[in-house]
């Protein structure tokens, strides 16, 4: 079977050592992402005793053990890399999953899912240069209700950013959207990019 994620030889050796210390016949690992497709996504590896795997999990056969890949996390784990680097202190297992926080959208995705996708992939990377971000609060009557944070909260240019940047981008990508609304309290200006 083709590896769904890359688990390097050194990582497999390290994980096999850890699993051997558990003294449980047939123990493996389970790889999953909590809150996939959100800014709060975390990539996790946990022990997986026989019977703890889910029937839908994809199975990767590794050096002396199996890795069970959570089916709901699978697309977010594309291009993921698990590596182990030895150092003077023993070593460190690292997990890099560049797609963990990126929402996945398809033809059947809801308006909210599509808005979040464009906020994460197109809009927030630009706002990050000013220390800001914008989040979807809700969708009401085909309007995206947004909240600015960081350097965008209290920024004197927030209205321009909202109408000329964010609204134009979202309307061009999501035809059924009528517009955007801002529910940010812009009276707090302590961290604003433009005051």
N, C-alpha and C. Protein backbone atom coordinates (compact mmCIF):
# COMPACT_ATOMS: atom_id res chain seq x y z
N UNK A 1 0.84 -1.20 0.00
CA UNK A 1 0.00 0.00 0.00
C UNK A 1 0.88 1.25 0.00
N UNK A 2 0.49 2.24 -0.78
CA UNK A 2 1.23 3.50 -0.82
C UNK A 2 1.08 4.21 0.53
N UNK A 3 2.20 4.80 1.01
CA UNK A 3 2.14 5.50 2.28
C UNK A 3 1.29 6.75 2.13
N UNK A 4 0.33 6.92 3.04
CA UNK A 4 -0.54 8.08 2.99
C UNK A 4 0.18 9.33 3.46
N UNK A 5 1.06 9.15 4.44
CA UNK A 5 1.91 10.22 4.92
C UNK A 5 3.33 9.66 4.95
N UNK A 6 4.31 10.52 5.01
CA UNK A 6 5.69 10.04 5.05
C UNK A 6 6.15 9.93 6.49
N UNK A 7 6.52 8.72 6.88
CA UNK A 7 7.10 8.47 8.20
C UNK A 7 8.50 7.95 7.92
N UNK A 8 9.50 8.77 8.22
CA UNK A 8 10.88 8.44 7.86
C UNK A 8 11.35 7.18 8.58
N UNK A 9 12.45 6.60 8.07
CA UNK A 9 13.04 5.41 8.70
C UNK A 9 13.39 5.68 10.16
N UNK A 10 14.00 6.85 10.42
CA UNK A 10 14.40 7.17 11.80
C UNK A 10 13.18 7.30 12.70
N UNK A 11 12.08 7.85 12.18
CA UNK A 11 10.86 7.97 12.97
C UNK A 11 10.26 6.59 13.22
N UNK A 12 10.29 5.72 12.21
CA UNK A 12 9.77 4.36 12.40
C UNK A 12 10.58 3.62 13.45
N UNK A 13 11.91 3.75 13.42
CA UNK A 13 12.77 3.09 14.41
C UNK A 13 12.44 3.60 15.82
N UNK A 14 12.32 4.92 15.95
CA UNK A 14 12.03 5.52 17.25
C UNK A 14 10.66 5.08 17.77
N UNK A 15 9.65 5.12 16.90
CA UNK A 15 8.31 4.71 17.32
C UNK A 15 8.26 3.23 17.67
N UNK A 16 8.99 2.40 16.92
CA UNK A 16 9.03 0.96 17.22
C UNK A 16 9.63 0.72 18.61
N UNK A 17 10.65 1.50 18.96
CA UNK A 17 11.24 1.39 20.31
C UNK A 17 10.22 1.75 21.39
N UNK A 18 9.53 2.85 21.18
CA UNK A 18 8.50 3.28 22.15
C UNK A 18 7.41 2.23 22.30
N UNK A 19 6.97 1.68 21.18
CA UNK A 19 5.90 0.69 21.21
C UNK A 19 6.35 -0.59 21.90
N UNK A 20 7.61 -0.99 21.71
CA UNK A 20 8.13 -2.20 22.35
C UNK A 20 8.10 -2.06 23.88
N UNK A 21 8.32 -0.86 24.38
CA UNK A 21 8.31 -0.61 25.83
C UNK A 21 6.91 -0.73 26.43
N UNK A 22 5.88 -0.68 25.60
CA UNK A 22 4.51 -0.77 26.09
C UNK A 22 4.13 -2.21 26.45
N UNK A 23 4.88 -3.17 25.92
CA UNK A 23 4.65 -4.59 26.20
C UNK A 23 3.21 -5.02 25.95
N UNK A 24 2.65 -4.53 24.83
CA UNK A 24 1.30 -4.91 24.41
C UNK A 24 1.42 -5.51 23.01
N UNK A 25 1.06 -6.76 22.88
CA UNK A 25 1.15 -7.45 21.59
C UNK A 25 0.28 -6.76 20.55
N UNK A 26 0.85 -6.42 19.40
CA UNK A 26 0.08 -5.83 18.29
C UNK A 26 -0.20 -4.35 18.43
N UNK A 27 0.42 -3.66 19.39
CA UNK A 27 0.17 -2.22 19.55
C UNK A 27 0.75 -1.46 18.35
N UNK A 28 0.06 -0.42 17.95
CA UNK A 28 0.51 0.42 16.84
C UNK A 28 0.33 1.88 17.22
N UNK A 29 0.26 2.72 16.21
CA UNK A 29 0.01 4.13 16.44
C UNK A 29 -1.21 4.54 15.63
N UNK A 30 -1.84 5.62 16.08
CA UNK A 30 -2.95 6.21 15.34
C UNK A 30 -2.59 7.65 15.07
N UNK A 31 -2.74 8.09 13.83
CA UNK A 31 -2.41 9.45 13.43
C UNK A 31 -3.72 10.15 13.07
N UNK A 32 -3.94 11.31 13.68
CA UNK A 32 -5.19 12.04 13.45
C UNK A 32 -4.97 13.52 13.69
N UNK A 33 -5.93 14.31 13.27
CA UNK A 33 -5.88 15.76 13.48
C UNK A 33 -7.12 16.17 14.25
N UNK A 34 -6.91 16.90 15.35
CA UNK A 34 -8.04 17.47 16.07
C UNK A 34 -8.39 18.81 15.41
N UNK A 35 -9.66 19.10 15.29
CA UNK A 35 -10.17 20.31 14.67
C UNK A 35 -9.53 20.57 13.30
N UNK A 36 -9.56 19.55 12.41
CA UNK A 36 -8.93 19.74 11.10
C UNK A 36 -9.59 20.85 10.30
N UNK A 37 -8.77 21.56 9.52
CA UNK A 37 -9.28 22.62 8.67
C UNK A 37 -9.59 23.91 9.39
N UNK A 38 -9.10 24.03 10.64
CA UNK A 38 -9.30 25.27 11.40
C UNK A 38 -7.94 25.79 11.85
N UNK A 39 -7.88 27.05 12.28
CA UNK A 39 -6.60 27.57 12.79
C UNK A 39 -6.13 26.83 14.05
N UNK A 40 -7.02 26.05 14.67
CA UNK A 40 -6.70 25.36 15.92
C UNK A 40 -6.31 23.90 15.70
N UNK A 41 -6.14 23.50 14.46
CA UNK A 41 -5.82 22.10 14.14
C UNK A 41 -4.51 21.68 14.80
N UNK A 42 -4.51 20.46 15.35
CA UNK A 42 -3.31 19.87 15.94
C UNK A 42 -3.15 18.47 15.37
N UNK A 43 -1.94 18.15 14.93
CA UNK A 43 -1.65 16.81 14.42
C UNK A 43 -1.17 15.96 15.59
N UNK A 44 -1.76 14.78 15.73
CA UNK A 44 -1.49 13.94 16.90
C UNK A 44 -1.09 12.53 16.50
N UNK A 45 -0.22 11.94 17.31
CA UNK A 45 0.11 10.52 17.21
C UNK A 45 -0.15 9.94 18.59
N UNK A 46 -0.91 8.86 18.63
CA UNK A 46 -1.24 8.23 19.91
C UNK A 46 -1.02 6.72 19.81
N UNK A 47 -0.80 6.09 20.96
CA UNK A 47 -0.75 4.63 20.98
C UNK A 47 -2.10 4.09 20.54
N UNK A 48 -2.07 2.97 19.86
CA UNK A 48 -3.31 2.35 19.40
C UNK A 48 -3.22 0.85 19.70
N UNK A 49 -3.84 0.45 20.81
CA UNK A 49 -3.85 -0.96 21.18
C UNK A 49 -4.81 -1.72 20.27
N UNK A 50 -4.61 -3.03 20.12
CA UNK A 50 -5.53 -3.80 19.28
C UNK A 50 -6.98 -3.59 19.75
N UNK A 51 -7.84 -3.27 18.79
CA UNK A 51 -9.24 -3.02 19.09
C UNK A 51 -9.58 -1.54 19.23
N UNK A 52 -8.56 -0.68 19.39
CA UNK A 52 -8.81 0.75 19.54
C UNK A 52 -8.88 1.48 18.19
N UNK A 53 -8.45 0.82 17.13
CA UNK A 53 -8.51 1.46 15.82
C UNK A 53 -9.97 1.50 15.36
N UNK A 54 -10.27 2.43 14.47
CA UNK A 54 -11.61 2.52 13.89
C UNK A 54 -11.65 1.68 12.63
N UNK A 55 -12.79 1.05 12.33
CA UNK A 55 -12.88 0.22 11.12
C UNK A 55 -12.59 1.01 9.84
N UNK A 56 -12.86 2.31 9.83
CA UNK A 56 -12.66 3.13 8.64
C UNK A 56 -11.21 3.58 8.48
N UNK A 57 -10.39 3.44 9.52
CA UNK A 57 -9.00 3.88 9.44
C UNK A 57 -8.27 3.23 8.28
N UNK A 58 -7.38 3.99 7.65
CA UNK A 58 -6.48 3.44 6.65
C UNK A 58 -5.28 2.87 7.41
N UNK A 59 -4.77 1.73 6.96
CA UNK A 59 -3.67 1.07 7.66
C UNK A 59 -2.39 1.18 6.84
N UNK A 60 -1.33 1.65 7.50
CA UNK A 60 0.00 1.69 6.90
C UNK A 60 0.85 0.66 7.64
N UNK A 61 1.42 -0.27 6.90
CA UNK A 61 2.30 -1.26 7.51
C UNK A 61 3.71 -0.70 7.53
N UNK A 62 4.27 -0.56 8.75
CA UNK A 62 5.59 0.03 8.92
C UNK A 62 6.54 -1.02 9.50
N UNK A 63 7.70 -0.59 9.95
CA UNK A 63 8.72 -1.50 10.47
C UNK A 63 8.30 -2.07 11.83
N UNK A 64 7.63 -3.22 11.80
CA UNK A 64 7.27 -3.88 13.05
C UNK A 64 5.98 -3.42 13.69
N UNK A 65 5.27 -2.51 13.09
CA UNK A 65 4.00 -2.04 13.66
C UNK A 65 3.16 -1.41 12.56
N UNK A 66 1.89 -1.18 12.87
CA UNK A 66 0.97 -0.53 11.93
C UNK A 66 0.65 0.89 12.39
N UNK A 67 0.46 1.76 11.43
CA UNK A 67 -0.04 3.11 11.70
C UNK A 67 -1.45 3.17 11.15
N UNK A 68 -2.38 3.60 11.98
CA UNK A 68 -3.78 3.73 11.60
C UNK A 68 -4.05 5.22 11.36
N UNK A 69 -4.47 5.54 10.15
CA UNK A 69 -4.71 6.93 9.76
C UNK A 69 -6.21 7.20 9.83
N UNK A 70 -6.59 8.15 10.67
CA UNK A 70 -7.99 8.53 10.83
C UNK A 70 -8.55 8.98 9.49
N UNK A 71 -9.65 8.38 9.08
CA UNK A 71 -10.22 8.67 7.76
C UNK A 71 -10.68 10.12 7.64
N UNK A 72 -11.20 10.72 8.73
CA UNK A 72 -11.64 12.12 8.66
C UNK A 72 -10.47 13.08 8.55
N UNK A 73 -9.29 12.65 8.98
CA UNK A 73 -8.09 13.49 8.93
C UNK A 73 -7.28 13.28 7.66
N UNK A 74 -7.61 12.27 6.90
CA UNK A 74 -6.76 11.82 5.79
C UNK A 74 -6.39 12.93 4.81
N UNK A 75 -7.35 13.68 4.32
CA UNK A 75 -7.03 14.71 3.33
C UNK A 75 -6.18 15.83 3.94
N UNK A 76 -6.34 16.07 5.24
CA UNK A 76 -5.56 17.11 5.91
C UNK A 76 -4.13 16.65 6.17
N UNK A 77 -3.91 15.34 6.09
CA UNK A 77 -2.58 14.77 6.31
C UNK A 77 -1.78 14.62 5.02
N UNK A 78 -2.36 15.02 3.88
CA UNK A 78 -1.60 14.97 2.63
C UNK A 78 -0.34 15.80 2.79
N UNK A 79 0.77 15.26 2.30
CA UNK A 79 2.09 15.89 2.38
C UNK A 79 2.65 15.96 3.79
N UNK A 80 2.03 15.25 4.75
CA UNK A 80 2.52 15.26 6.13
C UNK A 80 3.82 14.46 6.22
N UNK A 81 4.68 14.89 7.13
CA UNK A 81 5.96 14.24 7.35
C UNK A 81 6.17 14.03 8.85
N UNK A 82 6.47 12.80 9.23
CA UNK A 82 6.84 12.48 10.61
C UNK A 82 8.31 12.09 10.56
N UNK A 83 9.14 12.78 11.34
CA UNK A 83 10.58 12.54 11.32
C UNK A 83 11.10 12.50 12.75
N UNK A 84 12.25 11.88 12.91
CA UNK A 84 12.93 11.83 14.20
C UNK A 84 14.37 12.23 13.98
N UNK A 85 14.83 13.20 14.74
CA UNK A 85 16.21 13.65 14.64
C UNK A 85 16.88 13.47 16.00
N UNK A 86 17.92 12.65 16.03
CA UNK A 86 18.68 12.43 17.26
C UNK A 86 19.53 13.66 17.55
N UNK A 87 19.66 13.98 18.83
CA UNK A 87 20.54 15.07 19.23
C UNK A 87 21.17 14.74 20.59
N UNK A 88 21.90 15.67 21.15
CA UNK A 88 22.60 15.43 22.42
C UNK A 88 21.64 15.09 23.55
N UNK A 89 20.43 15.60 23.49
CA UNK A 89 19.45 15.38 24.56
C UNK A 89 18.63 14.11 24.33
N UNK A 90 18.92 13.38 23.29
CA UNK A 90 18.18 12.17 22.98
C UNK A 90 17.60 12.23 21.58
N UNK A 91 16.75 13.21 21.35
CA UNK A 91 16.16 13.37 20.04
C UNK A 91 14.78 13.96 20.10
N UNK A 92 14.23 14.24 18.94
CA UNK A 92 12.90 14.86 18.88
C UNK A 92 12.12 14.31 17.70
N UNK A 93 10.90 13.92 17.98
CA UNK A 93 9.97 13.50 16.95
C UNK A 93 9.22 14.74 16.48
N UNK A 94 9.21 14.98 15.18
CA UNK A 94 8.51 16.14 14.65
C UNK A 94 7.43 15.68 13.67
N UNK A 95 6.34 16.42 13.66
CA UNK A 95 5.24 16.14 12.75
C UNK A 95 4.95 17.44 12.01
N UNK A 96 5.05 17.40 10.71
CA UNK A 96 4.72 18.57 9.89
C UNK A 96 3.57 18.18 8.98
N UNK A 97 2.47 18.88 9.14
CA UNK A 97 1.28 18.63 8.30
C UNK A 97 0.83 19.97 7.73
N UNK A 98 1.40 20.37 6.59
CA UNK A 98 1.11 21.71 6.05
C UNK A 98 -0.34 21.95 5.68
N UNK A 99 -1.13 20.89 5.51
CA UNK A 99 -2.53 21.06 5.12
C UNK A 99 -3.52 20.90 6.27
N UNK A 100 -3.01 20.74 7.50
CA UNK A 100 -3.89 20.48 8.65
C UNK A 100 -4.86 21.61 8.92
N UNK A 101 -4.42 22.85 8.75
CA UNK A 101 -5.25 24.01 9.10
C UNK A 101 -6.05 24.55 7.92
N UNK A 102 -5.83 23.99 6.73
CA UNK A 102 -6.50 24.48 5.53
C UNK A 102 -7.82 23.76 5.35
N UNK A 103 -8.93 24.50 5.35
CA UNK A 103 -10.22 23.84 5.13
C UNK A 103 -10.27 23.20 3.75
N UNK A 104 -10.91 22.08 3.66
CA UNK A 104 -11.09 21.41 2.38
C UNK A 104 -12.50 21.72 1.89
N UNK A 105 -12.59 22.10 0.63
CA UNK A 105 -13.91 22.38 0.09
C UNK A 105 -14.12 21.58 -1.18
N UNK A 106 -15.37 21.32 -1.45
CA UNK A 106 -15.77 20.61 -2.65
C UNK A 106 -17.08 21.17 -3.15
N UNK A 107 -17.66 20.52 -4.13
CA UNK A 107 -18.90 21.00 -4.73
C UNK A 107 -20.06 21.04 -3.74
N UNK A 108 -20.01 20.15 -2.73
CA UNK A 108 -21.10 20.09 -1.75
C UNK A 108 -20.80 20.87 -0.47
N UNK A 109 -19.74 21.65 -0.46
CA UNK A 109 -19.37 22.41 0.74
C UNK A 109 -20.38 23.54 0.99
N UNK A 110 -20.65 23.80 2.26
CA UNK A 110 -21.58 24.87 2.63
C UNK A 110 -20.94 26.23 2.38
N UNK A 111 -21.76 27.28 2.41
CA UNK A 111 -21.28 28.64 2.24
C UNK A 111 -20.26 28.96 3.34
N UNK A 112 -20.54 28.56 4.58
CA UNK A 112 -19.62 28.81 5.70
C UNK A 112 -18.28 28.14 5.46
N UNK A 113 -18.29 26.90 4.99
CA UNK A 113 -17.04 26.18 4.72
C UNK A 113 -16.23 26.88 3.63
N UNK A 114 -16.92 27.36 2.60
CA UNK A 114 -16.21 28.04 1.52
C UNK A 114 -15.67 29.38 1.98
N UNK A 115 -16.44 30.12 2.79
CA UNK A 115 -15.94 31.40 3.32
C UNK A 115 -14.68 31.15 4.15
N UNK A 116 -14.74 30.18 5.06
CA UNK A 116 -13.57 29.87 5.89
C UNK A 116 -12.37 29.49 5.05
N UNK A 117 -12.60 28.74 3.98
CA UNK A 117 -11.50 28.34 3.09
C UNK A 117 -10.81 29.58 2.53
N UNK A 118 -11.57 30.52 1.98
CA UNK A 118 -10.96 31.70 1.38
C UNK A 118 -10.36 32.64 2.42
N UNK A 119 -10.93 32.69 3.61
CA UNK A 119 -10.32 33.48 4.68
C UNK A 119 -8.94 32.93 5.03
N UNK A 120 -8.85 31.61 5.17
CA UNK A 120 -7.58 30.98 5.56
C UNK A 120 -6.55 31.01 4.43
N UNK A 121 -6.98 30.74 3.20
CA UNK A 121 -6.01 30.57 2.11
C UNK A 121 -5.66 31.86 1.37
N UNK A 122 -6.57 32.84 1.33
CA UNK A 122 -6.31 34.05 0.54
C UNK A 122 -6.30 35.34 1.35
N UNK A 123 -7.26 35.50 2.24
CA UNK A 123 -7.43 36.79 2.90
C UNK A 123 -6.51 36.95 4.11
N UNK A 124 -6.54 36.00 5.04
CA UNK A 124 -5.72 36.15 6.24
C UNK A 124 -4.22 36.17 6.00
N UNK A 125 -3.68 35.47 5.00
CA UNK A 125 -2.25 35.62 4.75
C UNK A 125 -1.85 37.07 4.45
N UNK A 126 -2.70 37.81 3.75
CA UNK A 126 -2.43 39.22 3.47
C UNK A 126 -2.56 40.08 4.72
N UNK A 127 -3.55 39.81 5.53
CA UNK A 127 -3.76 40.58 6.75
C UNK A 127 -2.67 40.30 7.78
N UNK A 128 -2.08 39.12 7.71
CA UNK A 128 -1.05 38.74 8.68
C UNK A 128 0.16 39.67 8.61
N UNK A 129 0.42 40.26 7.44
CA UNK A 129 1.56 41.18 7.32
C UNK A 129 1.36 42.42 8.19
N UNK A 130 0.12 42.70 8.58
CA UNK A 130 -0.18 43.81 9.47
C UNK A 130 -0.51 43.31 10.87
N UNK A 131 -0.27 42.04 11.11
CA UNK A 131 -0.54 41.47 12.43
C UNK A 131 -2.02 41.24 12.67
N UNK A 132 -2.81 41.14 11.62
CA UNK A 132 -4.25 40.99 11.78
C UNK A 132 -4.80 39.72 11.18
N UNK A 133 -6.08 39.52 11.46
CA UNK A 133 -6.81 38.41 10.84
C UNK A 133 -8.29 38.74 10.92
N UNK A 134 -9.08 37.99 10.14
CA UNK A 134 -10.53 38.14 10.18
C UNK A 134 -11.11 36.73 10.27
N UNK A 135 -12.16 36.59 11.08
CA UNK A 135 -12.80 35.29 11.28
C UNK A 135 -14.28 35.39 10.97
N UNK A 136 -14.84 34.29 10.49
CA UNK A 136 -16.27 34.21 10.24
C UNK A 136 -16.99 33.96 11.56
N UNK A 137 -17.97 34.81 11.88
CA UNK A 137 -18.80 34.62 13.07
C UNK A 137 -19.99 33.73 12.71
N UNK A 138 -20.69 34.11 11.63
CA UNK A 138 -21.83 33.35 11.15
C UNK A 138 -22.24 33.86 9.77
N UNK A 139 -23.15 33.14 9.14
CA UNK A 139 -23.74 33.59 7.89
C UNK A 139 -25.21 33.84 8.17
N UNK A 140 -25.67 35.08 7.92
CA UNK A 140 -27.05 35.47 8.18
C UNK A 140 -27.64 36.05 6.90
N UNK A 141 -28.73 35.44 6.43
CA UNK A 141 -29.42 35.92 5.23
C UNK A 141 -28.45 36.18 4.08
N UNK A 142 -27.55 35.23 3.84
CA UNK A 142 -26.57 35.29 2.76
C UNK A 142 -25.54 36.40 2.92
N UNK A 143 -25.36 36.91 4.14
CA UNK A 143 -24.29 37.86 4.45
C UNK A 143 -23.30 37.17 5.38
N UNK A 144 -22.01 37.36 5.10
CA UNK A 144 -20.96 36.82 5.97
C UNK A 144 -20.73 37.84 7.08
N UNK A 145 -20.92 37.41 8.32
CA UNK A 145 -20.69 38.27 9.47
C UNK A 145 -19.28 37.96 9.96
N UNK A 146 -18.41 38.98 9.91
CA UNK A 146 -17.00 38.80 10.19
C UNK A 146 -16.56 39.60 11.41
N UNK A 147 -15.46 39.12 12.04
CA UNK A 147 -14.87 39.85 13.17
C UNK A 147 -13.36 39.97 12.91
N UNK A 148 -12.88 41.21 12.96
CA UNK A 148 -11.46 41.47 12.80
C UNK A 148 -10.76 41.27 14.14
N UNK A 149 -9.48 40.89 14.07
CA UNK A 149 -8.68 40.76 15.28
C UNK A 149 -7.25 41.19 15.01
N UNK A 150 -6.45 41.23 16.06
CA UNK A 150 -5.05 41.64 15.94
C UNK A 150 -4.94 43.07 15.46
N UNK A 151 -4.03 43.32 14.52
CA UNK A 151 -3.79 44.67 14.02
C UNK A 151 -4.94 45.25 13.24
N UNK A 152 -5.95 44.43 12.89
CA UNK A 152 -7.10 44.93 12.14
C UNK A 152 -8.16 45.53 13.08
N UNK A 153 -8.17 45.09 14.35
CA UNK A 153 -9.17 45.61 15.27
C UNK A 153 -8.81 47.06 15.61
N UNK A 154 -9.72 47.97 15.34
CA UNK A 154 -9.50 49.39 15.61
C UNK A 154 -8.71 50.10 14.53
N UNK A 155 -8.37 49.39 13.47
CA UNK A 155 -7.59 49.98 12.39
C UNK A 155 -8.45 50.97 11.59
N UNK A 156 -7.88 52.12 11.28
CA UNK A 156 -8.59 53.14 10.53
C UNK A 156 -8.91 52.73 9.10
N UNK A 157 -8.24 51.70 8.61
CA UNK A 157 -8.46 51.24 7.24
C UNK A 157 -9.35 50.00 7.17
N UNK A 158 -9.93 49.58 8.28
CA UNK A 158 -10.71 48.34 8.31
C UNK A 158 -11.89 48.37 7.34
N UNK A 159 -12.57 49.51 7.23
CA UNK A 159 -13.71 49.60 6.30
C UNK A 159 -13.27 49.40 4.86
N UNK A 160 -12.13 49.98 4.50
CA UNK A 160 -11.61 49.83 3.14
C UNK A 160 -11.23 48.38 2.90
N UNK A 161 -10.53 47.80 3.86
CA UNK A 161 -10.13 46.39 3.75
C UNK A 161 -11.36 45.50 3.60
N UNK A 162 -12.40 45.79 4.39
CA UNK A 162 -13.62 44.99 4.35
C UNK A 162 -14.30 45.08 2.99
N UNK A 163 -14.52 46.28 2.50
CA UNK A 163 -15.29 46.47 1.27
C UNK A 163 -14.46 46.22 0.00
N UNK A 164 -13.24 46.76 -0.04
CA UNK A 164 -12.44 46.67 -1.26
C UNK A 164 -11.66 45.37 -1.38
N UNK A 165 -11.34 44.77 -0.26
CA UNK A 165 -10.56 43.54 -0.31
C UNK A 165 -11.38 42.30 -0.03
N UNK A 166 -11.85 42.19 1.20
CA UNK A 166 -12.52 40.97 1.64
C UNK A 166 -13.83 40.74 0.90
N UNK A 167 -14.70 41.76 0.87
CA UNK A 167 -16.00 41.58 0.23
C UNK A 167 -15.84 41.26 -1.25
N UNK A 168 -15.00 41.99 -1.95
CA UNK A 168 -14.81 41.72 -3.39
C UNK A 168 -14.31 40.30 -3.62
N UNK A 169 -13.34 39.87 -2.81
CA UNK A 169 -12.80 38.51 -2.95
C UNK A 169 -13.89 37.47 -2.72
N UNK A 170 -14.61 37.59 -1.60
CA UNK A 170 -15.63 36.59 -1.27
C UNK A 170 -16.78 36.57 -2.28
N UNK A 171 -17.23 37.74 -2.72
CA UNK A 171 -18.32 37.79 -3.71
C UNK A 171 -17.89 37.18 -5.04
N UNK A 172 -16.64 37.37 -5.42
CA UNK A 172 -16.19 36.79 -6.69
C UNK A 172 -16.06 35.27 -6.61
N UNK A 173 -15.82 34.74 -5.41
CA UNK A 173 -15.63 33.29 -5.23
C UNK A 173 -16.92 32.56 -4.88
N UNK A 174 -17.84 33.28 -4.21
CA UNK A 174 -19.08 32.65 -3.70
C UNK A 174 -20.27 33.47 -4.21
N UNK A 175 -20.79 33.13 -5.40
CA UNK A 175 -21.82 33.94 -6.05
C UNK A 175 -23.10 34.14 -5.23
N UNK A 176 -23.47 33.15 -4.41
CA UNK A 176 -24.72 33.29 -3.66
C UNK A 176 -24.60 34.21 -2.44
N UNK A 177 -23.41 34.65 -2.13
CA UNK A 177 -23.19 35.58 -1.02
C UNK A 177 -23.60 36.99 -1.45
N UNK A 178 -24.34 37.70 -0.58
CA UNK A 178 -24.80 39.06 -0.91
C UNK A 178 -23.83 40.14 -0.44
N UNK A 179 -23.03 39.83 0.57
CA UNK A 179 -22.11 40.84 1.08
C UNK A 179 -21.51 40.40 2.40
N UNK A 180 -20.77 41.33 3.03
CA UNK A 180 -20.15 41.05 4.32
C UNK A 180 -20.54 42.14 5.32
N UNK A 181 -20.53 41.77 6.58
CA UNK A 181 -20.81 42.71 7.66
C UNK A 181 -19.74 42.55 8.73
N UNK A 182 -19.38 43.64 9.36
CA UNK A 182 -18.34 43.66 10.38
C UNK A 182 -18.98 43.85 11.75
N UNK A 183 -18.71 42.93 12.69
CA UNK A 183 -19.25 43.07 14.05
C UNK A 183 -18.14 43.37 15.06
N UNK A 184 -16.98 43.81 14.57
CA UNK A 184 -15.84 44.10 15.43
C UNK A 184 -16.08 45.39 16.20
N UNK A 185 -15.67 45.40 17.46
CA UNK A 185 -15.67 46.63 18.26
C UNK A 185 -14.37 47.35 17.93
N UNK A 186 -14.43 48.34 17.04
CA UNK A 186 -13.22 49.03 16.61
C UNK A 186 -12.83 50.18 17.54
N UNK A 187 -13.53 50.32 18.68
CA UNK A 187 -13.13 51.37 19.63
C UNK A 187 -11.85 50.98 20.36
N UNK A 188 -11.53 49.69 20.41
CA UNK A 188 -10.28 49.23 21.00
C UNK A 188 -9.20 49.36 19.94
N UNK A 189 -8.28 50.30 20.12
CA UNK A 189 -7.30 50.63 19.08
C UNK A 189 -5.86 50.36 19.51
N UNK A 190 -5.65 49.68 20.63
CA UNK A 190 -4.30 49.51 21.20
C UNK A 190 -3.32 48.86 20.22
N UNK A 191 -3.75 47.85 19.48
CA UNK A 191 -2.85 47.13 18.58
C UNK A 191 -3.13 47.42 17.11
N UNK A 192 -3.91 48.46 16.83
CA UNK A 192 -4.30 48.74 15.45
C UNK A 192 -3.09 49.07 14.57
N UNK A 193 -3.12 48.58 13.34
CA UNK A 193 -2.03 48.84 12.40
C UNK A 193 -2.00 50.30 11.99
N UNK A 194 -3.16 50.84 11.58
CA UNK A 194 -3.30 52.28 11.29
C UNK A 194 -4.23 52.84 12.33
N UNK A 195 -3.78 53.88 13.05
CA UNK A 195 -4.65 54.49 14.08
C UNK A 195 -5.24 55.79 13.59
